[in-house]
Amino acid sequence: MFGGPALRCWQPLCVKVLRMCISRKSRHVGAVAAAAAVMAVIGAGTAAATPAGPGVSGTVLTRTTVAGKDYVLRQITIPPGQSTGWHFHDGTLYGFVAEGTLSHFDSACRPDGVYRAGSSLTEPSGDNHVHIGRNLGTVPVILDVLYVLPHGAPLSEDAPNPGCDFE
């Protein structure tokens, strides 16, 4: 996997591939699947939800819709000691940790992954996959994320805390 400066070098290629799909108004799922595959391999992570901690931010880098699916490339920053809030996605999310360490927890309050810089993760779709991403470290977590969603779906859906002693 690529991380840090390496991702920064490859990220323009990912954006270029997605923009190429947009400019051609491709009706072929294969073209977008190729773009998604590139993102999954070289950099693609988490969301904003209830309540996201202070300073958590996300910037949409590009988006397109092909064959009823929205493809959204976004960068998310989670400051030290903050979290995304509890949430789920209506589609699959592919993430890449560019900086920091993301601690990921499921709705049973169990850690289901610790993702350090250079790691990738996939978040499956559906309200049966409620989760939270937390930055338990001392440096910001920076995630590069590719959302593959049904057309018109929000990036994330808020979910109540399932009973964990943390947010």
Foldseek 3Di string as FASTA:
>chain_A
DDAAPRLVVCVVVLVVLVVVCAVVVDQDVVSVVVSVVSCLVRFAQDAAAVDWDPPWDKDWPDWDDYPQKIKTKMKIKHAAFTKRAKWFAQAKKKKAWRAAWKFKAFLVRHTPDIHHTGDMDMQGHDPNTIMMIHHNDHGMTMMIMITIHGPPTDGIYYDHRSDHPDD
